[in-house]
Structure formats: C-alpha cells, structure tokens
PDB file of N, CA and C in Angstrom:
ATOM      1  N   MET A   1      33.494  97.872  -7.498  1.00  0.00           N
ATOM      2  CA  MET A   1      32.150  98.115  -6.912  1.00  0.00           C
ATOM      3  C   MET A   1      32.275  99.037  -5.630  1.00  0.00           C
ATOM      4  N   THR A   2      31.369  99.984  -5.733  1.00  0.00           N
ATOM      5  CA  THR A   2      31.521 100.942  -4.601  1.00  0.00           C
ATOM      6  C   THR A   2      30.510 100.620  -3.516  1.00  0.00           C
ATOM      7  N   GLY A   3      30.803 101.154  -2.444  1.00  0.00           N
ATOM      8  CA  GLY A   3      29.852 100.884  -1.328  1.00  0.00           C
ATOM      9  C   GLY A   3      28.577 102.060  -1.066  1.00  0.00           C
ATOM     10  N   ASN A   4      27.677 101.654  -0.321  1.00  0.00           N
ATOM     11  CA  ASN A   4      26.611 102.584  -0.142  1.00  0.00           C
ATOM     12  C   ASN A   4      26.853 103.722   0.691  1.00  0.00           C
ATOM     13  N   PRO A   5      27.149 104.992   0.270  1.00  0.00           N
ATOM     14  CA  PRO A   5      27.426 106.109   1.022  1.00  0.00           C
ATOM     15  C   PRO A   5      26.554 106.371   2.324  1.00  0.00           C
ATOM     16  N   ALA A   6      25.287 106.001   2.036  1.00  0.00           N
ATOM     17  CA  ALA A   6      24.357 106.329   3.218  1.00  0.00           C
ATOM     18  C   ALA A   6      24.530 105.310   4.198  1.00  0.00           C
ATOM     19  N   ARG A   7      24.991 104.117   3.814  1.00  0.00           N
ATOM     20  CA  ARG A   7      25.276 103.195   5.012  1.00  0.00           C
ATOM     21  C   ARG A   7      26.443 103.305   5.639  1.00  0.00           C
ATOM     22  N   ALA A   8      27.778 103.933   4.977  1.00  0.00           N
ATOM     23  CA  ALA A   8      28.788 104.155   5.523  1.00  0.00           C
ATOM     24  C   ALA A   8      28.571 105.325   6.485  1.00  0.00           C
ATOM     25  N   GLN A   9      27.916 106.263   6.431  1.00  0.00           N
ATOM     26  CA  GLN A   9      27.715 107.386   7.154  1.00  0.00           C
ATOM     27  C   GLN A   9      27.057 107.006   8.476  1.00  0.00           C
ATOM     28  N   ARG A  10      26.219 106.030   8.563  1.00  0.00           N
ATOM     29  CA  ARG A  10      25.564 105.611   9.790  1.00  0.00           C
ATOM     30  C   ARG A  10      26.441 105.113  10.928  1.00  0.00           C
ATOM     31  N   LYS A  11      26.357 105.490  12.035  1.00  0.00           N
ATOM     32  CA  LYS A  11      27.272 105.100  13.227  1.00  0.00           C
ATOM     33  C   LYS A  11      26.587 103.876  13.635  1.00  0.00           C
ATOM     34  N   ARG A  12      27.357 102.984  13.871  1.00  0.00           N
ATOM     35  CA  ARG A  12      27.032 101.641  14.477  1.00  0.00           C
ATOM     36  C   ARG A  12      27.268 101.520  16.054  1.00  0.00           C
ATOM     37  N   ARG A  13      26.209 101.130  16.544  1.00  0.00           N
ATOM     38  CA  ARG A  13      26.303 100.787  18.148  1.00  0.00           C
ATOM     39  C   ARG A  13      26.072  99.455  18.319  1.00  0.00           C
ATOM     40  N   PRO A  14      27.195  98.619  18.506  1.00  0.00           N
ATOM     41  CA  PRO A  14      27.053  97.069  18.416  1.00  0.00           C
ATOM     42  C   PRO A  14      26.181  96.426  19.473  1.00  0.00           C
ATOM     43  N   GLY A  15      25.851  97.066  20.614  1.00  0.00           N
ATOM     44  CA  GLY A  15      25.131  96.433  21.645  1.00  0.00           C
ATOM     45  C   GLY A  15      23.661  96.814  21.877  1.00  0.00           C
ATOM     46  N   ILE A  16      23.250  97.604  20.958  1.00  0.00           N
ATOM     47  CA  ILE A  16      21.838  97.942  21.109  1.00  0.00           C
ATOM     48  C   ILE A  16      20.790  96.908  21.081  1.00  0.00           C
ATOM     49  N   TRP A  17      20.779  95.820  20.321  1.00  0.00           N
ATOM     50  CA  TRP A  17      20.069  94.695  20.276  1.00  0.00           C
ATOM     51  C   TRP A  17      20.129  93.794  21.504  1.00  0.00           C
ATOM     52  N   LEU A  18      21.272  93.809  22.125  1.00  0.00           N
ATOM     53  CA  LEU A  18      21.505  93.056  23.287  1.00  0.00           C
ATOM     54  C   LEU A  18      20.962  93.688  24.539  1.00  0.00           C
ATOM     55  N   VAL A  19      20.884  94.937  24.554  1.00  0.00           N
ATOM     56  CA  VAL A  19      20.191  95.916  25.686  1.00  0.00           C
ATOM     57  C   VAL A  19      18.646  95.521  25.396  1.00  0.00           C
ATOM     58  N   VAL A  20      18.207  95.710  24.282  1.00  0.00           N
ATOM     59  CA  VAL A  20      16.702  95.455  24.173  1.00  0.00           C
ATOM     60  C   VAL A  20      16.331  93.992  24.403  1.00  0.00           C
ATOM     61  N   VAL A  21      16.737  93.062  24.024  1.00  0.00           N
ATOM     62  CA  VAL A  21      16.537  91.688  24.169  1.00  0.00           C
ATOM     63  C   VAL A  21      16.740  91.345  25.589  1.00  0.00           C
ATOM     64  N   GLY A  22      17.946  91.740  26.047  1.00  0.00           N
ATOM     65  CA  GLY A  22      18.289  91.349  27.554  1.00  0.00           C
ATOM     66  C   GLY A  22      17.257  92.016  28.619  1.00  0.00           C
ATOM     67  N   GLY A  23      17.004  93.340  28.356  1.00  0.00           N
ATOM     68  CA  GLY A  23      15.911  93.872  29.005  1.00  0.00           C
ATOM     69  C   GLY A  23      14.622  93.375  29.163  1.00  0.00           C
ATOM     70  N   LEU A  24      14.095  93.009  27.871  1.00  0.00           N
ATOM     71  CA  LEU A  24      12.843  92.404  27.880  1.00  0.00           C
ATOM     72  C   LEU A  24      12.854  91.037  28.538  1.00  0.00           C
ATOM     73  N   LEU A  25      13.845  90.071  28.372  1.00  0.00           N
ATOM     74  CA  LEU A  25      13.971  88.983  29.088  1.00  0.00           C
ATOM     75  C   LEU A  25      14.012  89.136  30.659  1.00  0.00           C
ATOM     76  N   ALA A  26      14.774  90.100  31.042  1.00  0.00           N
ATOM     77  CA  ALA A  26      14.955  90.262  32.482  1.00  0.00           C
ATOM     78  C   ALA A  26      13.746  90.683  33.130  1.00  0.00           C
ATOM     79  N   ILE A  27      12.933  91.714  32.575  1.00  0.00           N
ATOM     80  CA  ILE A  27      11.831  92.300  33.074  1.00  0.00           C
ATOM     81  C   ILE A  27      10.671  91.331  32.940  1.00  0.00           C
ATOM     82  N   GLY A  28      10.578  90.588  31.798  1.00  0.00           N
ATOM     83  CA  GLY A  28       9.478  89.687  31.412  1.00  0.00           C
ATOM     84  C   GLY A  28       9.490  88.410  32.464  1.00  0.00           C
ATOM     85  N   PHE A  29      10.498  87.813  32.514  1.00  0.00           N
ATOM     86  CA  PHE A  29      10.773  86.828  33.604  1.00  0.00           C
ATOM     87  C   PHE A  29      10.685  87.093  34.868  1.00  0.00           C
ATOM     88  N   SER A  30      11.123  88.291  35.139  1.00  0.00           N
ATOM     89  CA  SER A  30      10.993  88.814  36.537  1.00  0.00           C
ATOM     90  C   SER A  30       9.572  88.984  37.013  1.00  0.00           C
ATOM     91  N   ILE A  31       8.681  89.504  36.013  1.00  0.00           N
ATOM     92  CA  ILE A  31       7.349  89.657  36.373  1.00  0.00           C
ATOM     93  C   ILE A  31       6.720  88.327  36.265  1.00  0.00           C
ATOM     94  N   TYR A  32       6.823  87.498  35.521  1.00  0.00           N
ATOM     95  CA  TYR A  32       6.304  86.167  35.395  1.00  0.00           C
ATOM     96  C   TYR A  32       6.668  85.471  36.596  1.00  0.00           C
ATOM     97  N   ALA A  33       7.999  85.295  37.040  1.00  0.00           N
ATOM     98  CA  ALA A  33       8.381  84.611  38.204  1.00  0.00           C
ATOM     99  C   ALA A  33       7.482  85.066  39.631  1.00  0.00           C
ATOM    100  N   VAL A  34       7.195  86.429  39.581  1.00  0.00           N
ATOM    101  CA  VAL A  34       6.583  87.074  40.873  1.00  0.00           C
ATOM    102  C   VAL A  34       5.018  86.639  40.815  1.00  0.00           C
ATOM    103  N   LEU A  35       4.319  86.774  39.511  1.00  0.00           N
ATOM    104  CA  LEU A  35       3.123  86.595  39.346  1.00  0.00           C
ATOM    105  C   LEU A  35       2.507  85.084  39.489  1.00  0.00           C
ATOM    106  N   ALA A  36       3.457  84.319  38.737  1.00  0.00           N
ATOM    107  CA  ALA A  36       3.166  83.009  38.540  1.00  0.00           C
ATOM    108  C   ALA A  36       3.251  81.997  39.780  1.00  0.00           C
ATOM    109  N   ALA A  37       4.116  82.222  40.403  1.00  0.00           N
ATOM    110  CA  ALA A  37       4.403  81.484  41.669  1.00  0.00           C
ATOM    111  C   ALA A  37       4.981  82.031  42.832  1.00  0.00           C
ATOM    112  N   PRO A  38       4.175  82.930  43.486  1.00  0.00           N
ATOM    113  CA  PRO A  38       4.680  83.682  44.674  1.00  0.00           C
ATOM    114  C   PRO A  38       4.804  82.879  45.906  1.00  0.00           C
ATOM    115  N   ASP A  39       4.120  81.705  45.862  1.00  0.00           N
ATOM    116  CA  ASP A  39       4.302  80.868  47.099  1.00  0.00           C
ATOM    117  C   ASP A  39       5.173  79.639  46.959  1.00  0.00           C
ATOM    118  N   SER A  40       5.509  79.425  45.825  1.00  0.00           N
ATOM    119  CA  SER A  40       6.406  78.270  45.544  1.00  0.00           C
ATOM    120  C   SER A  40       7.577  78.514  44.848  1.00  0.00           C
ATOM    121  N   THR A  41       8.538  77.705  44.798  1.00  0.00           N
ATOM    122  CA  THR A  41       9.929  78.152  44.232  1.00  0.00           C
ATOM    123  C   THR A  41       9.856  78.368  42.679  1.00  0.00           C
ATOM    124  N   SER A  42      10.419  79.517  42.441  1.00  0.00           N
ATOM    125  CA  SER A  42      10.262  79.799  40.894  1.00  0.00           C
ATOM    126  C   SER A  42      11.734  79.974  40.462  1.00  0.00           C
ATOM    127  N   GLY A  43      12.691  79.110  40.840  1.00  0.00           N
ATOM    128  CA  GLY A  43      14.104  79.220  40.568  1.00  0.00           C
ATOM    129  C   GLY A  43      14.476  79.284  39.187  1.00  0.00           C
ATOM    130  N   PRO A  44      14.063  78.426  38.073  1.00  0.00           N
ATOM    131  CA  PRO A  44      14.244  78.442  36.813  1.00  0.00           C
ATOM    132  C   PRO A  44      14.057  79.896  36.107  1.00  0.00           C
ATOM    133  N   MET A  45      12.805  80.529  36.613  1.00  0.00           N
ATOM    134  CA  MET A  45      12.239  81.728  36.279  1.00  0.00           C
ATOM    135  C   MET A  45      13.441  82.780  36.442  1.00  0.00           C
ATOM    136  N   TRP A  46      13.879  82.887  37.745  1.00  0.00           N
ATOM    137  CA  TRP A  46      14.970  83.799  38.039  1.00  0.00           C
ATOM    138  C   TRP A  46      16.225  83.536  37.556  1.00  0.00           C
ATOM    139  N   ILE A  47      16.544  82.291  37.124  1.00  0.00           N
ATOM    140  CA  ILE A  47      17.792  82.007  36.491  1.00  0.00           C
ATOM    141  C   ILE A  47      17.739  82.851  35.090  1.00  0.00           C
ATOM    142  N   VAL A  48      16.713  82.571  34.289  1.00  0.00           N
ATOM    143  CA  VAL A  48      16.534  83.340  33.068  1.00  0.00           C
ATOM    144  C   VAL A  48      16.436  84.829  33.298  1.00  0.00           C
ATOM    145  N   ALA A  49      15.751  85.245  34.357  1.00  0.00           N
ATOM    146  CA  ALA A  49      15.749  86.798  34.476  1.00  0.00           C
ATOM    147  C   ALA A  49      17.228  87.354  34.810  1.00  0.00           C
ATOM    148  N   GLY A  50      17.961  86.473  35.522  1.00  0.00           N
ATOM    149  CA  GLY A  50      19.345  86.813  35.640  1.00  0.00           C
ATOM    150  C   GLY A  50      20.228  86.726  34.444  1.00  0.00           C
ATOM    151  N   TRP A  51      20.195  85.862  33.599  1.00  0.00           N
ATOM    152  CA  TRP A  51      20.840  85.788  32.352  1.00  0.00           C
ATOM    153  C   TRP A  51      20.405  87.122  31.488  1.00  0.00           C
ATOM    154  N   GLY A  52      19.051  87.301  31.547  1.00  0.00           N
ATOM    155  CA  GLY A  52      18.689  88.506  30.748  1.00  0.00           C
ATOM    156  C   GLY A  52      19.295  89.852  31.258  1.00  0.00           C
ATOM    157  N   ALA A  53      19.568  89.810  32.640  1.00  0.00           N
ATOM    158  CA  ALA A  53      20.134  90.958  33.063  1.00  0.00           C
ATOM    159  C   ALA A  53      21.570  91.125  32.767  1.00  0.00           C
ATOM    160  N   LEU A  54      22.171  89.951  32.778  1.00  0.00           N
ATOM    161  CA  LEU A  54      23.662  89.812  32.197  1.00  0.00           C
ATOM    162  C   LEU A  54      23.814  90.316  30.656  1.00  0.00           C
ATOM    163  N   VAL A  55      22.769  89.780  29.898  1.00  0.00           N
ATOM    164  CA  VAL A  55      22.866  90.114  28.488  1.00  0.00           C
ATOM    165  C   VAL A  55      22.604  91.545  28.485  1.00  0.00           C
ATOM    166  N   PHE A  56      21.743  92.223  29.216  1.00  0.00           N
ATOM    167  CA  PHE A  56      21.583  93.532  29.152  1.00  0.00           C
ATOM    168  C   PHE A  56      22.692  94.424  29.603  1.00  0.00           C
ATOM    169  N   LEU A  57      23.560  93.991  30.570  1.00  0.00           N
ATOM    170  CA  LEU A  57      24.692  94.650  31.107  1.00  0.00           C
ATOM    171  C   LEU A  57      25.789  94.646  30.111  1.00  0.00           C
ATOM    172  N   TYR A  58      25.874  93.583  29.437  1.00  0.00           N
ATOM    173  CA  TYR A  58      26.899  93.279  28.519  1.00  0.00           C
ATOM    174  C   TYR A  58      26.594  94.194  27.313  1.00  0.00           C
ATOM    175  N   GLY A  59      25.367  94.417  26.940  1.00  0.00           N
ATOM    176  CA  GLY A  59      25.008  95.203  25.853  1.00  0.00           C
ATOM    177  C   GLY A  59      25.170  96.710  25.968  1.00  0.00           C
ATOM    178  N   LEU A  60      24.882  97.031  27.391  1.00  0.00           N
ATOM    179  CA  LEU A  60      25.098  98.250  27.627  1.00  0.00           C
ATOM    180  C   LEU A  60      26.589  98.728  27.749  1.00  0.00           C
ATOM    181  N   TYR A  61      27.249  97.883  27.998  1.00  0.00           N
ATOM    182  CA  TYR A  61      28.932  97.839  28.041  1.00  0.00           C
ATOM    183  C   TYR A  61      29.242  98.111  26.564  1.00  0.00           C
ATOM    184  N   ARG A  62      28.835  97.275  25.697  1.00  0.00           N
ATOM    185  CA  ARG A  62      29.171  97.433  24.254  1.00  0.00           C
ATOM    186  C   ARG A  62      28.706  98.848  23.686  1.00  0.00           C
ATOM    187  N   VAL A  63      27.435  99.237  23.972  1.00  0.00           N
ATOM    188  CA  VAL A  63      26.808 100.515  23.565  1.00  0.00           C
ATOM    189  C   VAL A  63      27.826 101.783  23.950  1.00  0.00           C
ATOM    190  N   ILE A  64      28.169 101.555  25.352  1.00  0.00           N
ATOM    191  CA  ILE A  64      29.103 102.790  25.826  1.00  0.00           C
ATOM    192  C   ILE A  64      30.557 102.596  25.272  1.00  0.00           C
ATOM    193  N   ARG A  65      30.891 101.417  25.148  1.00  0.00           N
ATOM    194  CA  ARG A  65      32.311 101.351  24.571  1.00  0.00           C
ATOM    195  C   ARG A  65      32.548 101.486  23.097  1.00  0.00           C
ATOM    196  N   GLY A  66      31.470 101.164  22.447  1.00  0.00           N
ATOM    197  CA  GLY A  66      31.539 101.528  20.956  1.00  0.00           C
ATOM    198  C   GLY A  66      32.200 100.334  20.342  1.00  0.00           C
ATOM    199  N   PRO A  67      32.428 100.388  18.894  1.00  0.00           N
ATOM    200  CA  PRO A  67      32.999  99.282  18.106  1.00  0.00           C
ATOM    201  C   PRO A  67      34.344  98.847  18.626  1.00  0.00           C
ATOM    202  N   SER A  68      34.606  97.685  18.657  1.00  0.00           N
ATOM    203  CA  SER A  68      35.877  97.311  19.045  1.00  0.00           C
ATOM    204  C   SER A  68      36.906  96.971  17.675  1.00  0.00           C
ATOM    205  N   THR A  69      37.998  96.893  18.096  1.00  0.00           N
ATOM    206  CA  THR A  69      38.961  96.852  17.000  1.00  0.00           C
ATOM    207  C   THR A  69      38.970  95.289  16.285  1.00  0.00           C
ATOM    208  N   LEU A  70      38.276  94.570  16.935  1.00  0.00           N
ATOM    209  CA  LEU A  70      38.133  93.133  16.420  1.00  0.00           C
ATOM    210  C   LEU A  70      36.922  93.041  15.565  1.00  0.00           C
ATOM    211  N   ASP A  71      35.906  93.758  15.766  1.00  0.00           N
ATOM    212  CA  ASP A  71      34.604  93.815  14.870  1.00  0.00           C
ATOM    213  C   ASP A  71      34.989  94.100  13.562  1.00  0.00           C
ATOM    214  N   ASP A  72      34.446  93.080  12.725  1.00  0.00           N
ATOM    215  CA  ASP A  72      34.630  93.055  11.249  1.00  0.00           C
ATOM    216  C   ASP A  72      33.488  93.706  10.671  1.00  0.00           C
ATOM    217  N   PRO A  73      33.578  94.565   9.590  1.00  0.00           N
ATOM    218  CA  PRO A  73      32.440  95.061   9.205  1.00  0.00           C
ATOM    219  C   PRO A  73      31.277  94.112   8.358  1.00  0.00           C
ATOM    220  N   HIS A  74      31.814  93.166   8.121  1.00  0.00           N
ATOM    221  CA  HIS A  74      31.098  91.958   7.276  1.00  0.00           C
ATOM    222  C   HIS A  74      30.527  90.874   8.333  1.00  0.00           C
ATOM    223  N   GLY A  75      30.803  90.979   9.401  1.00  0.00           N
ATOM    224  CA  GLY A  75      30.339  90.032  10.406  1.00  0.00           C
ATOM    225  C   GLY A  75      31.365  89.322  10.921  1.00  0.00           C
ATOM    226  N   GLY A  76      31.276  88.744  12.171  1.00  0.00           N
ATOM    227  CA  GLY A  76      32.461  87.935  12.840  1.00  0.00           C
ATOM    228  C   GLY A  76      33.481  88.810  13.181  1.00  0.00           C
ATOM    229  N   THR A  77      34.709  88.313  13.460  1.00  0.00           N
ATOM    230  CA  THR A  77      35.886  88.994  13.750  1.00  0.00           C
ATOM    231  C   THR A  77      37.054  89.093  13.050  1.00  0.00           C
ATOM    232  N   ASP A  78      37.865  90.104  13.017  1.00  0.00           N
ATOM    233  CA  ASP A  78      39.048  90.302  12.345  1.00  0.00           C
ATOM    234  C   ASP A  78      40.199  89.921  13.143  1.00  0.00           C
ATOM    235  N   ALA A  79      40.394  88.814  13.730  1.00  0.00           N
ATOM    236  CA  ALA A  79      41.291  88.586  14.575  1.00  0.00           C
ATOM    237  C   ALA A  79      42.800  88.299  13.808  1.00  0.00           C
ATOM    238  N   ASN A  80      43.758  88.743  13.987  1.00  0.00           N
ATOM    239  CA  ASN A  80      45.076  88.515  13.292  1.00  0.00           C
ATOM    240  C   ASN A  80      45.023  88.922  11.793  1.00  0.00           C
ATOM    241  N   GLY A  81      44.079  89.844  11.328  1.00  0.00           N
ATOM    242  CA  GLY A  81      44.068  90.198  10.097  1.00  0.00           C
ATOM    243  C   GLY A  81      43.339  89.227   9.130  1.00  0.00           C
ATOM    244  N   ARG A  82      42.730  88.287   9.678  1.00  0.00           N
ATOM    245  CA  ARG A  82      41.937  87.466   8.487  1.00  0.00           C
ATOM    246  C   ARG A  82      40.523  87.708   8.332  1.00  0.00           C
TER     247      ARG A  82
END
C-alpha cells in the first residue's frame, strides 16, 4: 500500500489550529468581559480569556518550532519507538 504523494509533500505546522482557536477565545471573551459587565466583576470571563491567550502562545510556539521528534504521523506520540 502506497501513501498519497500529494499529502506527503505538504508541510505540517502542528500549532496552527491552537493559534486560531486560542486567539478567538482570548479576543472573544475579552470583548465580552468588557462589554457585558464593565461595572461588576467579570472574573470568570478573564480566566477564560487568559486560558485562550495561553493556548494561543503555545500554538505560536508550536508553529515556530515546527514538528517535534515525538509527533507520530498517525496521531499521538511516538515515545520510545512505540
């Protein structure tokens, strides 16, 4: 069984979806926290915005760093050759 050569040619950037989803979460919840409750505490909204920012930063790191040696092409990890 041979692999798809068009798929093999494509470069993978493992963190692009983390950047997109984390950015949307951070921006969306930040705007909602400011507009929804400017005079009261909106702590939980800022917690979600902070988590979104952390996901964004981790995704950005993965995009810049590229594929890891532990990334398995079929998903999961390839730790210890398994």
